[in-house]
């Protein structure tokens, strides 16, 4: 977990650089972006993370069992009404993003034995979940009528801060958010935990750090996008040296020799043009090795690149190992990571599959075993 601890240190230093301490919330939704929440969360907390953030109630309850009762856990997504009792008993922070959620919270608050801490999510331009600025005042006034309901935080989410080097829209979103905060009564405003920063914002804009930053993909050692890196250089912002945490490996299950003209895989999409040695790997799109990688992807074996051939199956992938010297059954296969001088990055897999690296890592099946690297 050395790389994970390093990345926490990078963001801890970045957030503390201005002199005032910003809380660091590691986003561990989606099985910690494919890294396994239960495995990485204790290390994150030991390394200096203050809060953990997930998307769903089920994730939050699993995490609570893993990290104990005191760690602040923020649920960023929807909690259904029939799950509110469990959420309150587990001492979770809840995101309020819809007026109709409030009536359910009010009903639950009447029997609550502890405060229900809410974080209002403000819609400023992403148009996913969120209260409009016009709704906020009435929501805050209703919450104030109920002793067990507490507005602990207020947040928004940037729509276009990663995919561009023009951040004028993000600036407008931040201004809209600040206007909402300023419109709140002083007694509420003074104690609010304000949070807007994702990984990209944490790197690029000190103004977004506020009281808490929600850092996701950067914690796992990956830049949000090429544009974020370019923006950091254009703005003369120090570019942190992030270390990828995840290596994904398999083993060769079978090796077979093919004659010229032999086909490989469903649909006979690949045909041997020379005597060929094929390795069969026990991993496919069910395990998260995307079917779109059938065209153009490579794996690493003994420090050599071996191209994927034929269509990736549900649980099986074939690769051409003709040019890998000494290859044998049970050899380790690196799907993501390094072998010898060669390396396959999450960004490489994303490019070959026509998607983004977020999807590549977060869709690695949770059924696959994870092991700490140190």
Protein backbone atom coordinates (compact mmCIF):
# COMPACT_ATOMS: atom_id res chain seq x y z
CA UNK A 1 0.00 0.00 0.00
CA UNK A 2 3.01 2.29 -0.30
CA UNK A 3 1.61 3.99 -3.40
CA UNK A 4 -1.72 4.63 -1.68
CA UNK A 5 -0.03 6.23 1.31
CA UNK A 6 2.10 8.33 -1.02
CA UNK A 7 -0.96 9.64 -2.88
CA UNK A 8 -2.73 10.56 0.35
CA UNK A 9 0.37 12.49 1.34
CA UNK A 10 0.37 14.32 -1.99
CA UNK A 11 -3.20 15.54 -1.54
CA UNK A 12 -2.76 16.20 2.18
CA UNK A 13 0.17 18.49 1.32
CA UNK A 14 -1.75 20.14 -1.52
CA UNK A 15 -4.78 20.91 0.66
CA UNK A 16 -2.70 22.16 3.57
CA UNK A 17 -0.49 24.40 1.41
CA UNK A 18 -2.68 27.46 1.94
CA UNK A 19 -2.20 27.41 5.69
CA UNK A 20 -5.69 26.37 6.75
CA UNK A 21 -6.53 22.70 7.11
CA UNK A 22 -9.03 21.31 4.63
CA UNK A 23 -10.60 17.96 5.49
CA UNK A 24 -9.71 15.21 3.02
CA UNK A 25 -12.51 12.83 2.06
CA UNK A 26 -11.40 9.82 0.04
CA UNK A 27 -14.11 8.67 -2.35
CA UNK A 28 -14.31 4.89 -2.08
CA UNK A 29 -17.49 4.33 -4.08
CA UNK A 30 -17.58 1.65 -6.76
CA UNK A 31 -15.55 -0.75 -4.60
CA UNK A 32 -12.95 2.00 -4.20
CA UNK A 33 -12.77 2.45 -7.97
CA UNK A 34 -12.13 -1.28 -8.30
CA UNK A 35 -9.44 -1.42 -5.60
CA UNK A 36 -11.70 -3.03 -2.94
CA UNK A 37 -13.13 -0.71 -0.32
CA UNK A 38 -12.50 -2.94 2.68
CA UNK A 39 -8.87 -3.42 1.69
CA UNK A 40 -7.86 0.19 1.06
CA UNK A 41 -10.00 2.12 3.58
CA UNK A 42 -7.98 1.30 6.73
CA UNK A 43 -4.78 2.34 4.95
CA UNK A 44 -6.41 5.55 3.73
CA UNK A 45 -7.39 6.47 7.28
CA UNK A 46 -3.97 5.57 8.69
CA UNK A 47 -2.34 7.71 5.99
CA UNK A 48 -4.25 10.87 6.91
CA UNK A 49 -7.68 10.77 5.26
CA UNK A 50 -10.35 12.38 7.48
CA UNK A 51 -13.59 11.19 5.88
CA UNK A 52 -14.71 8.44 3.51
CA UNK A 53 -17.39 8.93 0.85
CA UNK A 54 -19.54 6.33 -0.90
CA UNK A 55 -22.50 6.45 -3.26
CA UNK A 56 -25.05 4.09 -1.72
CA UNK A 57 -26.45 2.85 1.57
CA UNK A 58 -25.22 -0.70 0.99
CA UNK A 59 -21.68 0.56 0.40
CA UNK A 60 -21.88 2.71 3.52
CA UNK A 61 -23.10 -0.12 5.77
CA UNK A 62 -20.37 -2.46 4.55
CA UNK A 63 -17.80 0.28 5.10
CA UNK A 64 -19.09 1.05 8.60
CA UNK A 65 -18.52 -2.58 9.57
CA UNK A 66 -15.01 -2.34 8.15
CA UNK A 67 -13.77 0.92 9.71
CA UNK A 68 -15.71 1.11 12.97
CA UNK A 69 -18.23 3.54 14.41
CA UNK A 70 -16.38 6.83 14.55
CA UNK A 71 -15.05 7.43 11.03
CA UNK A 72 -17.19 10.03 9.21
CA UNK A 73 -18.88 8.37 6.23
CA UNK A 74 -20.71 10.55 3.70
CA UNK A 75 -23.29 8.93 1.40
CA UNK A 76 -23.19 10.93 -1.82
CA UNK A 77 -26.14 9.23 -3.52
CA UNK A 78 -29.72 8.29 -2.82
CA UNK A 79 -30.84 6.54 0.36
CA UNK A 80 -34.34 5.06 -0.09
CA UNK A 81 -36.91 5.83 2.58
CA UNK A 82 -36.99 2.24 3.79
CA UNK A 83 -33.25 2.45 4.43
CA UNK A 84 -33.22 5.62 6.49
CA UNK A 85 -33.49 3.83 9.81
CA UNK A 86 -30.39 1.76 9.07
CA UNK A 87 -28.58 4.84 7.83
CA UNK A 88 -29.28 6.78 11.02
CA UNK A 89 -28.36 3.86 13.27
CA UNK A 90 -25.05 3.55 11.38
CA UNK A 91 -24.28 7.24 12.02
CA UNK A 92 -24.00 8.12 8.34
CA UNK A 93 -23.92 11.58 6.82
CA UNK A 94 -26.63 11.83 4.17
CA UNK A 95 -26.80 13.96 1.04
CA UNK A 96 -30.08 15.83 0.58
CA UNK A 97 -30.63 16.70 -3.06
CA UNK A 98 -34.40 16.60 -3.55
CA UNK A 99 -37.21 18.41 -1.73
CA UNK A 100 -39.36 15.30 -1.57
CA UNK A 101 -36.64 13.48 0.39
CA UNK A 102 -37.17 15.92 3.22
CA UNK A 103 -40.61 14.66 4.24
CA UNK A 104 -39.20 11.14 4.70
CA UNK A 105 -36.34 12.52 6.76
CA UNK A 106 -38.76 14.49 8.91
CA UNK A 107 -40.77 11.33 9.62
CA UNK A 108 -37.63 9.43 10.52
CA UNK A 109 -36.30 12.26 12.71
CA UNK A 110 -39.22 11.97 15.13
CA UNK A 111 -37.87 8.71 16.53
CA UNK A 112 -34.17 9.32 15.91
CA UNK A 113 -31.94 8.89 18.94
CA UNK A 114 -29.10 10.90 17.43
CA UNK A 115 -28.83 13.89 15.07
CA UNK A 116 -29.33 13.16 11.37
CA UNK A 117 -26.52 15.09 9.70
CA UNK A 118 -27.36 16.32 6.23
CA UNK A 119 -25.29 17.71 3.40
CA UNK A 120 -27.25 19.80 0.92
CA UNK A 121 -26.18 19.26 -2.68
CA UNK A 122 -26.75 22.36 -4.79
CA UNK A 123 -27.46 22.20 -8.52
CA UNK A 124 -25.16 24.67 -10.26
CA UNK A 125 -24.92 23.29 -13.79
CA UNK A 126 -24.31 19.55 -13.88
CA UNK A 127 -28.04 18.74 -13.82
CA UNK A 128 -27.72 15.43 -12.10
CA UNK A 129 -28.96 15.29 -8.53
CA UNK A 130 -29.21 18.55 -6.61
CA UNK A 131 -31.44 21.21 -5.09
CA UNK A 132 -31.88 24.32 -7.18
CA UNK A 133 -30.72 27.56 -5.53
CA UNK A 134 -34.38 28.63 -5.36
CA UNK A 135 -35.27 25.57 -3.26
CA UNK A 136 -32.54 25.90 -0.66
CA UNK A 137 -34.08 28.54 1.58
CA UNK A 138 -37.34 26.64 2.10
CA UNK A 139 -35.46 23.39 2.72
CA UNK A 140 -33.22 24.99 5.34
CA UNK A 141 -36.21 26.58 7.08
CA UNK A 142 -38.02 23.22 7.22
CA UNK A 143 -34.95 21.45 8.58
CA UNK A 144 -34.64 24.09 11.31
CA UNK A 145 -38.09 23.12 12.63
CA UNK A 146 -36.87 19.64 13.58
CA UNK A 147 -34.34 19.21 16.35
CA UNK A 148 -32.96 15.91 15.07
CA UNK A 149 -32.18 17.26 11.60
CA UNK A 150 -28.91 19.16 11.22
CA UNK A 151 -27.50 20.87 8.15
CA UNK A 152 -23.86 19.90 8.54
CA UNK A 153 -22.60 20.52 5.02
CA UNK A 154 -23.30 22.00 1.62
CA UNK A 155 -21.78 20.96 -1.70
CA UNK A 156 -21.91 21.07 -5.45
CA UNK A 157 -20.33 19.03 -8.26
CA UNK A 158 -18.46 20.43 -11.26
CA UNK A 159 -19.75 19.52 -14.70
CA UNK A 160 -16.71 20.35 -16.80
CA UNK A 161 -13.49 20.70 -14.88
CA UNK A 162 -11.68 17.58 -16.09
CA UNK A 163 -12.43 17.46 -19.81
CA UNK A 164 -11.32 20.94 -20.78
CA UNK A 165 -8.60 23.52 -20.29
CA UNK A 166 -11.23 26.29 -20.35
CA UNK A 167 -12.61 26.50 -16.83
CA UNK A 168 -14.99 29.42 -17.17
CA UNK A 169 -18.03 27.19 -16.68
CA UNK A 170 -16.53 25.77 -13.47
CA UNK A 171 -15.88 29.34 -12.29
CA UNK A 172 -19.56 30.17 -12.89
CA UNK A 173 -20.60 27.08 -10.95
CA UNK A 174 -18.39 28.04 -8.04
CA UNK A 175 -19.80 31.57 -8.04
CA UNK A 176 -23.35 30.22 -8.03
CA UNK A 177 -22.51 27.92 -5.13
CA UNK A 178 -20.92 30.74 -3.14
CA UNK A 179 -24.02 32.88 -3.69
CA UNK A 180 -26.23 30.15 -2.23
CA UNK A 181 -23.98 29.81 0.81
CA UNK A 182 -24.03 33.59 1.37
CA UNK A 183 -27.82 33.59 1.24
CA UNK A 184 -28.10 31.29 4.27
CA UNK A 185 -28.65 32.61 7.80
CA UNK A 186 -25.35 33.44 9.55
CA UNK A 187 -25.98 30.97 12.38
CA UNK A 188 -26.16 28.14 9.84
CA UNK A 189 -23.41 29.43 7.57
CA UNK A 190 -20.84 29.64 10.36
CA UNK A 191 -20.86 25.90 11.07
CA UNK A 192 -21.27 24.57 7.51
CA UNK A 193 -18.78 22.19 5.96
CA UNK A 194 -18.51 23.49 2.38
CA UNK A 195 -17.22 21.12 -0.29
CA UNK A 196 -16.89 21.39 -4.05
CA UNK A 197 -13.44 20.01 -4.91
CA UNK A 198 -12.91 16.76 -6.78
CA UNK A 199 -9.43 15.51 -7.73
CA UNK A 200 -9.03 17.95 -10.62
CA UNK A 201 -10.26 20.92 -8.61
CA UNK A 202 -8.04 19.97 -5.68
CA UNK A 203 -5.02 20.13 -7.98
CA UNK A 204 -5.96 23.16 -10.07
CA UNK A 205 -7.91 25.60 -7.90
CA UNK A 206 -7.12 26.53 -4.31
CA UNK A 207 -10.41 28.44 -4.18
CA UNK A 208 -12.35 25.20 -4.33
CA UNK A 209 -10.67 23.58 -1.32
CA UNK A 210 -12.96 25.25 1.22
CA UNK A 211 -13.63 23.01 4.26
CA UNK A 212 -13.49 19.56 2.68
CA UNK A 213 -12.25 18.08 -0.60
CA UNK A 214 -13.68 14.89 -2.14
CA UNK A 215 -10.76 13.17 -3.85
CA UNK A 216 -11.47 10.07 -5.90
CA UNK A 217 -9.34 8.88 -8.77
CA UNK A 218 -6.24 10.81 -7.73
CA UNK A 219 -6.05 8.90 -4.44
CA UNK A 220 -5.54 5.76 -6.54
CA UNK A 221 -2.65 7.35 -8.42
CA UNK A 222 -4.37 8.33 -11.66
CA UNK A 223 -4.82 11.78 -13.19
CA UNK A 224 -8.46 12.60 -13.97
CA UNK A 225 -7.61 13.41 -17.58
CA UNK A 226 -4.89 14.61 -19.91
CA UNK A 227 -6.59 18.02 -19.90
CA UNK A 228 -6.13 18.29 -16.13
CA UNK A 229 -2.41 17.68 -16.51
CA UNK A 230 -2.19 20.25 -19.33
CA UNK A 231 -4.15 22.77 -17.25
CA UNK A 232 -1.82 22.29 -14.30
CA UNK A 233 1.17 23.04 -16.50
CA UNK A 234 -0.51 26.03 -18.15
CA UNK A 235 -1.39 27.48 -14.75
CA UNK A 236 2.09 26.77 -13.39
CA UNK A 237 0.49 24.61 -10.72
CA UNK A 238 2.79 22.01 -9.21
CA UNK A 239 1.95 18.70 -10.89
CA UNK A 240 1.87 16.03 -8.19
CA UNK A 241 3.73 12.79 -8.80
CA UNK A 242 0.93 10.31 -8.37
CA UNK A 243 1.69 6.59 -8.10
CA UNK A 244 -0.81 4.09 -9.55
CA UNK A 245 -1.96 1.71 -6.83
CA UNK A 246 -3.45 -1.11 -8.87
CA UNK A 247 -1.78 -3.97 -10.72
CA UNK A 248 -4.08 -6.55 -12.34
CA UNK A 249 -2.69 -10.02 -13.00
CA UNK A 250 -3.85 -13.40 -14.23
CA UNK A 251 -2.14 -16.67 -15.14
CA UNK A 252 -1.92 -18.73 -18.29
CA UNK A 253 -4.40 -21.61 -18.13
CA UNK A 254 -3.40 -23.36 -21.36
CA UNK A 255 -0.93 -23.09 -24.25
CA UNK A 256 -1.64 -24.53 -27.68
CA UNK A 257 0.08 -24.55 -31.05
CA UNK A 258 -1.90 -23.51 -34.13
CA UNK A 259 -1.27 -24.22 -37.79
CA UNK A 260 -1.38 -21.50 -40.43
CA UNK A 261 -5.02 -20.75 -41.24
CA UNK A 262 -6.40 -21.74 -37.83
CA UNK A 263 -9.15 -19.51 -36.42
CA UNK A 264 -9.36 -18.22 -32.84
CA UNK A 265 -12.49 -17.40 -30.88
CA UNK A 266 -16.16 -16.74 -31.55
CA UNK A 267 -17.03 -15.50 -34.99
CA UNK A 268 -13.64 -16.62 -36.35
CA UNK A 269 -12.51 -13.00 -36.30
CA UNK A 270 -8.78 -13.83 -36.12
CA UNK A 271 -6.82 -16.26 -38.27
CA UNK A 272 -3.23 -17.39 -37.88
CA UNK A 273 -0.99 -16.21 -40.72
CA UNK A 274 2.00 -18.15 -39.36
CA UNK A 275 2.56 -21.11 -37.04
CA UNK A 276 1.27 -19.59 -33.81
CA UNK A 277 1.43 -20.29 -30.11
CA UNK A 278 -1.74 -19.20 -28.24
CA UNK A 279 -2.11 -18.73 -24.49
CA UNK A 280 -5.57 -19.03 -22.95
CA UNK A 281 -6.22 -16.74 -19.97
CA UNK A 282 -9.00 -17.36 -17.42
CA UNK A 283 -10.32 -13.79 -17.54
CA UNK A 284 -12.97 -12.14 -19.70
CA UNK A 285 -15.59 -9.46 -19.75
CA UNK A 286 -17.39 -10.87 -16.70
CA UNK A 287 -14.23 -10.26 -14.72
CA UNK A 288 -14.07 -6.74 -16.17
CA UNK A 289 -11.66 -7.25 -19.06
CA UNK A 290 -13.77 -5.38 -21.57
CA UNK A 291 -14.90 -7.12 -24.77
CA UNK A 292 -13.93 -3.97 -26.68
CA UNK A 293 -10.29 -4.85 -25.91
CA UNK A 294 -10.58 -7.64 -28.47
CA UNK A 295 -9.11 -5.27 -31.07
CA UNK A 296 -5.70 -3.84 -30.25
CA UNK A 297 -5.03 -4.73 -26.61
CA UNK A 298 -1.87 -6.35 -25.28
CA UNK A 299 -0.93 -8.16 -22.08
CA UNK A 300 2.53 -8.55 -20.58
CA UNK A 301 4.21 -11.92 -20.06
CA UNK A 302 7.85 -12.31 -18.98
CA UNK A 303 8.44 -8.66 -19.90
CA UNK A 304 7.11 -9.08 -23.45
CA UNK A 305 3.92 -7.77 -25.04
CA UNK A 306 1.45 -10.39 -26.23
CA UNK A 307 -1.48 -9.18 -28.38
CA UNK A 308 -5.05 -10.21 -27.66
CA UNK A 309 -6.42 -12.27 -30.54
CA UNK A 310 -9.99 -13.24 -31.34
CA UNK A 311 -12.96 -12.03 -29.35
CA UNK A 312 -12.72 -11.72 -25.60
CA UNK A 313 -15.20 -14.18 -24.09
CA UNK A 314 -17.20 -13.96 -20.86
CA UNK A 315 -14.47 -15.71 -18.86
CA UNK A 316 -11.66 -16.41 -21.34
CA UNK A 317 -9.17 -14.34 -23.37
CA UNK A 318 -6.67 -15.61 -25.93
CA UNK A 319 -3.31 -13.98 -26.59
CA UNK A 320 -0.56 -14.64 -29.12
CA UNK A 321 2.60 -15.70 -27.26
CA UNK A 322 4.58 -16.87 -30.29
CA UNK A 323 7.24 -14.24 -29.63
CA UNK A 324 7.43 -14.70 -25.85
CA UNK A 325 10.48 -16.89 -25.15
CA UNK A 326 10.13 -19.71 -22.66
CA UNK A 327 6.44 -19.15 -22.03
CA UNK A 328 4.74 -21.89 -19.97
CA UNK A 329 1.41 -22.67 -18.39
CA UNK A 330 0.93 -20.87 -15.06
CA UNK A 331 3.11 -17.94 -16.13
CA UNK A 332 1.94 -14.66 -14.63
CA UNK A 333 0.13 -12.36 -17.05
CA UNK A 334 -0.02 -8.63 -16.37
CA UNK A 335 -3.24 -7.09 -17.67
CA UNK A 336 -2.59 -3.73 -16.02
CA UNK A 337 0.78 -2.74 -14.60
CA UNK A 338 4.44 -3.46 -15.32
CA UNK A 339 6.52 -6.44 -16.35
CA UNK A 340 10.21 -5.94 -17.03
CA UNK A 341 10.61 -2.69 -18.96
CA UNK A 342 7.08 -2.81 -20.34
CA UNK A 343 4.02 -1.19 -18.81
CA UNK A 344 0.29 -1.11 -19.52
CA UNK A 345 -1.54 1.83 -17.95
CA UNK A 346 -5.23 2.17 -17.22
CA UNK A 347 -5.22 4.96 -19.81
CA UNK A 348 -3.86 2.49 -22.40
CA UNK A 349 -6.66 0.02 -21.74
CA UNK A 350 -9.18 2.87 -21.92
CA UNK A 351 -7.83 4.02 -25.27
CA UNK A 352 -7.94 0.50 -26.71
CA UNK A 353 -11.49 -0.01 -25.44
CA UNK A 354 -12.75 3.43 -26.47
CA UNK A 355 -13.70 4.50 -22.96
CA UNK A 356 -12.21 6.25 -19.91
CA UNK A 357 -9.84 4.86 -17.32
CA UNK A 358 -12.43 5.37 -14.57
CA UNK A 359 -14.52 2.66 -16.21
CA UNK A 360 -11.58 0.32 -16.75
CA UNK A 361 -10.60 0.13 -13.09
CA UNK A 362 -14.05 0.42 -11.49
CA UNK A 363 -15.47 -2.46 -13.54
CA UNK A 364 -12.89 -5.02 -12.42
CA UNK A 365 -15.11 -7.67 -10.85
CA UNK A 366 -15.37 -7.55 -7.06
CA UNK A 367 -15.27 -11.37 -7.12
CA UNK A 368 -11.56 -11.29 -8.05
CA UNK A 369 -9.25 -11.50 -5.03
CA UNK A 370 -7.24 -8.41 -4.09
CA UNK A 371 -3.93 -8.50 -2.27
CA UNK A 372 -1.99 -5.64 -0.65
CA UNK A 373 1.27 -4.95 -2.46
CA UNK A 374 3.28 -4.22 0.68
